[in-house]
Structures are given as structure tokens and as C-alpha cells.
Amino acid sequence: MLISQMNWMQVEEYLKHDDRVVLPLGSTEQHAYLTLATDSILAERVSAEAAEPLGIPVFPVFAYGITPSFRRYPGSVHVRVQTYLSVVRDLLDSLADMGFRRILVVNGHGGNTPAQSLATEWMSDRTGCRVKWHNWWNAPETWAKVTACDPVASHASWMENFPWTRLPGVAQPQVQKPMCDFAHLRLLNPEETRRYLGDGNFGGLYERPDAEMLAIWETAVVETRALLSGAWG
């Protein structure tokens, strides 16, 4: 159930019999030839498809994240770490205050992971609440499926190229880009990052067959759903 398709009375009724909820986290940043909203689209969609059969509400994705290195790519929005942690804490507090006690955070952007430590700290202050943090794209079963298709997979490469992250009329390069040097990349400022990465793909093919991508997606949905229906401690 999408919160965007519910009213407050329906949420109140739901909370009488269940306290599970999904909070997707994304980012708005360069993804080479894919949409700038790739991380947000994927986090919200995998959340919605995983939760739908269980009747669990999914809040709208928080679509801005920690992405300082991409600030010289137009359209990329960076939220400072301190600000981001404050916002995530406020979101968790709001959910708990309204009665949600089991919260699955589905994260779609690697830069957001400082908030995972925050979630652990938050639980120590909010006894009775549970938070599961789920980086959907590199969860064990999903990542195994990705690497079985092609071990050369990275940011803005084929592994994020789904029918719902492509842009109409934008062709993908038919080459395999050499993988970047991550140790070197971590030392660069935003201007240097853009010069080094060029189009923004970290390395690998830009697309693979849809049949492979849909198989990966189905694995991701099932793996996410299992976190909702499994034990919460």
C-alpha cells in the first residue's frame, strides 16, 4: 500500500492490527545516461512491489542523499551528512510517534549508509522499536544474481539500467567501460571527479538484456519481502 494512495484514517485503521512500515531512501544524482532519479525510483519501486502482497504501507521515497563528489554534474543534489542524519532521525521519530514499531529502511544509494549507524543508535533510544536497514542492490541474494550475470557492475552501469530508469530517446553506449580506480576516486574533489569519470559510469557495460535485468529484479523483490515477513527480534 502506497501512503500516497491512502488517507490518515486508513493509516490509523491499519495501525490497529499491524505496526510494520517501509521507508525508502534514494538520491538525485548523475547516473550517466540513466535518469538522475535512478536511486530513488529503484528504492521506492522495490519497496512497493515487496510490500504490496503483505498490505504494508510504503512511504514516498526521500529522494535526496549524501553525494558530495557529484556536485559538478548538473542535477545532482547533495545533502550534508549532519543534515541527512538529522532528517532521517526526524523521519524515524515521526513514524514511531504515530505507532509504527517495525520499520524497514530500503536504501537505494551507497552514500546514505552513515544513516545505518544512526538507525542502530536510534533503536537504543526507542526501546520497543525495530529498524532493519536494507541496501537492496547489494543484499546477498541480489548481489549474487548480479555477479552471476556479469561481475563487472558498478554505479551507473548496466546493473542500474532497468526499463524504469531509462530515458526515452537516449541511447546507451555499446561498450564496456574500464572500471575506475576506487582508491584514486576517493581522493578527488568534485571537479576532478567529473574529469576522471567523464559520463559518470564507474565501469562496465551500459546495458544487458532485459530478461537478465528482470530476473535480478524479481530476486530483489523477494529478498526485500522476506525482511518484512521474517523475524523482527
Protein backbone atom coordinates (compact mmCIF):
# COMPACT_ATOMS: atom_id res chain seq x y z
CA MET A 1 0.00 0.00 0.00
CA LEU A 2 1.42 3.34 -1.01
CA ILE A 3 0.93 6.13 1.51
CA SER A 4 0.29 8.39 -1.48
CA GLN A 5 -2.86 6.34 -2.10
CA MET A 6 -4.11 6.38 1.49
CA ASN A 7 -5.67 8.93 3.81
CA TRP A 8 -4.92 9.40 7.50
CA MET A 9 -7.97 7.43 8.59
CA GLN A 10 -6.84 4.41 6.61
CA VAL A 11 -3.40 4.60 8.21
CA GLU A 12 -5.00 4.81 11.64
CA GLU A 13 -7.08 1.72 10.88
CA TYR A 14 -4.00 -0.17 9.64
CA LEU A 15 -2.13 0.60 12.86
CA LYS A 16 -4.84 -1.16 14.87
CA HIS A 17 -3.61 -4.53 13.57
CA ASP A 18 -0.04 -4.03 12.29
CA ASP A 19 2.94 -1.81 13.02
CA ARG A 20 5.22 -2.57 10.05
CA VAL A 21 6.13 0.12 7.54
CA VAL A 22 8.65 0.75 4.75
CA LEU A 23 10.72 3.91 4.36
CA PRO A 24 12.65 4.11 1.05
CA LEU A 25 15.74 6.30 0.81
CA GLY A 26 17.17 7.43 -2.51
CA SER A 27 19.23 10.14 -4.13
CA THR A 28 19.08 12.58 -7.01
CA GLU A 29 22.44 12.37 -8.75
CA GLN A 30 24.13 11.65 -12.06
CA HIS A 31 23.76 8.14 -13.43
CA ALA A 32 25.45 8.64 -16.80
CA TYR A 33 22.74 8.10 -19.46
CA LEU A 34 20.09 6.97 -16.97
CA THR A 35 17.68 9.23 -15.09
CA LEU A 36 19.05 11.36 -12.27
CA ALA A 37 16.34 9.78 -10.08
CA THR A 38 17.63 6.22 -10.59
CA ASP A 39 18.38 5.51 -6.91
CA SER A 40 15.03 6.93 -5.79
CA ILE A 41 12.99 5.13 -8.44
CA LEU A 42 14.57 1.78 -7.65
CA ALA A 43 14.31 2.09 -3.85
CA GLU A 44 10.65 3.08 -3.98
CA ARG A 45 9.68 0.52 -6.59
CA VAL A 46 11.35 -2.46 -4.93
CA SER A 47 9.71 -1.38 -1.66
CA ALA A 48 6.27 -1.13 -3.21
CA GLU A 49 6.44 -4.46 -5.01
CA ALA A 50 7.78 -6.23 -1.94
CA ALA A 51 5.20 -4.80 0.45
CA GLU A 52 2.09 -4.94 -1.76
CA PRO A 53 1.13 -8.62 -1.17
CA LEU A 54 1.61 -8.11 2.57
CA GLY A 55 -0.55 -4.99 2.74
CA ILE A 56 2.22 -2.98 4.40
CA PRO A 57 2.35 0.79 3.82
CA VAL A 58 5.26 2.30 1.89
CA PHE A 59 6.08 5.95 2.38
CA PRO A 60 7.23 8.14 -0.51
CA VAL A 61 10.97 7.89 -1.08
CA PHE A 62 13.19 10.54 0.47
CA ALA A 63 14.79 11.46 -2.84
CA TYR A 64 17.89 13.40 -1.75
CA GLY A 65 21.04 11.91 -0.31
CA ILE A 66 24.72 12.25 0.51
CA THR A 67 26.55 12.71 -2.79
CA PRO A 68 29.28 15.36 -2.45
CA SER A 69 31.53 14.07 -5.23
CA PHE A 70 28.90 14.58 -7.96
CA ARG A 71 28.21 18.26 -7.28
CA ARG A 72 29.72 19.29 -10.62
CA TYR A 73 27.22 17.16 -12.52
CA PRO A 74 24.13 19.35 -13.12
CA GLY A 75 21.03 17.92 -11.48
CA SER A 76 22.92 16.19 -8.66
CA VAL A 77 21.75 17.37 -5.23
CA HIS A 78 23.93 16.87 -2.15
CA VAL A 79 22.69 16.86 1.45
CA ARG A 80 25.40 17.31 4.06
CA VAL A 81 25.98 14.32 6.34
CA GLN A 82 24.92 16.14 9.51
CA THR A 83 21.75 17.40 7.83
CA TYR A 84 20.95 13.99 6.40
CA LEU A 85 21.31 12.25 9.73
CA SER A 86 19.05 14.83 11.36
CA VAL A 87 16.39 14.33 8.70
CA VAL A 88 16.48 10.54 8.95
CA ARG A 89 16.22 10.76 12.74
CA ASP A 90 13.20 13.05 12.37
CA LEU A 91 11.60 10.63 9.93
CA LEU A 92 12.12 7.68 12.27
CA ASP A 93 10.80 9.69 15.22
CA SER A 94 7.69 10.64 13.25
CA LEU A 95 6.99 7.04 12.28
CA ALA A 96 7.42 5.85 15.85
CA ASP A 97 5.28 8.64 17.26
CA MET A 98 2.37 7.64 15.05
CA GLY A 99 2.62 3.99 16.11
CA PHE A 100 4.93 2.22 13.68
CA ARG A 101 7.25 -0.05 15.64
CA ARG A 102 8.84 -2.19 12.89
CA ILE A 103 10.47 -0.08 10.20
CA LEU A 104 12.21 -1.41 7.11
CA VAL A 105 14.51 1.21 5.61
CA VAL A 106 15.13 0.34 1.96
CA ASN A 107 18.18 2.28 0.87
CA GLY A 108 18.99 2.82 -2.80
CA HIS A 109 22.15 4.93 -2.53
CA GLY A 110 25.51 3.85 -1.12
CA GLY A 111 26.33 7.35 0.07
CA ASN A 112 23.44 7.21 2.55
CA THR A 113 24.95 4.43 4.66
CA PRO A 114 26.09 6.74 7.52
CA ALA A 115 22.41 6.69 8.48
CA GLN A 116 22.65 2.95 9.12
CA SER A 117 24.69 3.64 12.26
CA LEU A 118 22.17 6.30 13.20
CA ALA A 119 19.35 3.76 12.94
CA THR A 120 21.16 1.44 15.35
CA GLU A 121 21.69 4.31 17.80
CA TRP A 122 18.07 5.38 17.40
CA MET A 123 16.82 1.93 18.39
CA SER A 124 18.77 2.13 21.64
CA ASP A 125 16.84 5.30 22.46
CA ARG A 126 13.49 3.98 21.22
CA THR A 127 13.11 0.72 23.10
CA GLY A 128 10.34 -1.35 21.59
CA CYS A 129 11.10 -0.18 18.05
CA ARG A 130 12.99 -2.19 15.46
CA VAL A 131 14.69 -0.95 12.28
CA LYS A 132 16.02 -3.15 9.52
CA TRP A 133 18.42 -1.39 7.15
CA HIS A 134 18.40 -2.87 3.65
CA ASN A 135 20.75 -1.84 0.86
CA TRP A 136 18.60 -3.60 -1.71
CA TRP A 137 21.10 -3.66 -4.59
CA ASN A 138 23.91 -5.45 -2.74
CA ALA A 139 21.88 -7.65 -0.41
CA PRO A 140 23.30 -11.20 -0.54
CA GLU A 141 20.87 -12.89 -2.94
CA THR A 142 20.51 -9.91 -5.24
CA TRP A 143 24.25 -9.28 -5.44
CA ALA A 144 24.87 -12.96 -6.17
CA LYS A 145 22.42 -12.70 -9.07
CA VAL A 146 24.18 -9.57 -10.36
CA THR A 147 27.65 -11.09 -10.27
CA ALA A 148 26.42 -14.31 -11.86
CA CYS A 149 25.32 -12.23 -14.86
CA ASP A 150 28.42 -10.06 -15.02
CA PRO A 151 30.97 -9.41 -12.25
CA VAL A 152 31.87 -6.02 -13.76
CA ALA A 153 28.99 -3.99 -12.34
CA SER A 154 29.01 -0.58 -10.73
CA HIS A 155 27.37 2.81 -10.32
CA ALA A 156 25.52 3.95 -13.48
CA SER A 157 26.42 0.76 -15.33
CA TRP A 158 24.15 -1.98 -16.63
CA MET A 159 23.20 -3.11 -13.11
CA GLU A 160 21.06 0.03 -12.68
CA ASN A 161 19.68 0.00 -16.21
CA PHE A 162 16.08 -1.19 -15.91
CA PRO A 163 13.17 -0.28 -18.18
CA TRP A 164 12.01 2.17 -15.49
CA THR A 165 15.38 4.00 -15.14
CA ARG A 166 15.97 4.60 -18.86
CA LEU A 167 15.13 7.84 -20.63
CA PRO A 168 13.14 7.85 -23.89
CA GLY A 169 15.30 8.55 -26.91
CA VAL A 170 18.60 8.23 -25.00
CA ALA A 171 20.86 5.54 -26.47
CA GLN A 172 23.28 3.61 -24.27
CA PRO A 173 26.91 3.24 -25.42
CA GLN A 174 27.61 -0.25 -26.74
CA VAL A 175 30.96 -0.64 -24.99
CA GLN A 176 32.33 -1.88 -21.69
CA LYS A 177 33.91 0.97 -19.79
CA PRO A 178 37.08 0.10 -17.82
CA MET A 179 36.48 0.02 -14.08
CA CYS A 180 37.63 3.12 -12.29
CA ASP A 181 40.32 3.10 -9.61
CA PHE A 182 38.26 3.47 -6.43
CA ALA A 183 41.24 4.32 -4.22
CA HIS A 184 42.09 7.17 -6.60
CA LEU A 185 38.45 8.24 -6.93
CA ARG A 186 38.09 8.70 -3.17
CA LEU A 187 40.85 11.33 -3.22
CA LEU A 188 39.26 13.57 -5.84
CA ASN A 189 37.28 16.76 -5.40
CA PRO A 190 34.06 17.29 -7.42
CA GLU A 191 35.81 18.94 -10.40
CA GLU A 192 38.43 16.20 -10.54
CA THR A 193 35.74 13.54 -10.17
CA ARG A 194 33.90 14.77 -13.24
CA ARG A 195 37.10 14.95 -15.31
CA TYR A 196 38.09 11.43 -14.20
CA LEU A 197 34.72 9.72 -14.66
CA GLY A 198 33.51 11.59 -17.73
CA ASP A 199 29.94 10.40 -18.28
CA GLY A 200 29.72 9.11 -14.69
CA ASN A 201 29.68 5.33 -15.15
CA PHE A 202 32.18 3.78 -12.73
CA GLY A 203 32.85 0.86 -15.08
CA GLY A 204 31.24 -1.96 -17.00
CA LEU A 205 28.70 -2.38 -19.77
CA TYR A 206 25.94 0.18 -20.00
CA GLU A 207 23.15 -2.34 -20.60
CA ARG A 208 22.36 -6.03 -20.58
CA PRO A 209 19.33 -7.96 -21.88
CA ASP A 210 16.02 -7.20 -20.21
CA ALA A 211 15.48 -10.87 -19.38
CA GLU A 212 18.55 -10.80 -17.13
CA MET A 213 17.54 -7.50 -15.56
CA LEU A 214 14.02 -8.67 -14.76
CA ALA A 215 15.40 -11.84 -13.17
CA ILE A 216 17.64 -9.72 -10.94
CA TRP A 217 14.69 -7.51 -10.08
CA GLU A 218 12.49 -10.42 -9.08
CA THR A 219 15.24 -11.67 -6.76
CA ALA A 220 15.49 -8.21 -5.20
CA VAL A 221 11.73 -8.01 -4.61
CA VAL A 222 11.58 -11.45 -3.00
CA GLU A 223 14.61 -10.73 -0.82
CA THR A 224 13.11 -7.43 0.34
CA ARG A 225 9.74 -9.05 1.07
CA ALA A 226 11.44 -11.69 3.20
CA LEU A 227 12.74 -8.98 5.52
CA LEU A 228 9.20 -7.71 6.06
CA SER A 229 7.68 -11.11 6.74
CA GLY A 230 10.63 -12.54 8.69
CA ALA A 231 11.58 -12.27 12.36
CA TRP A 232 11.98 -8.83 13.95
CA GLY A 233 13.79 -9.90 17.09
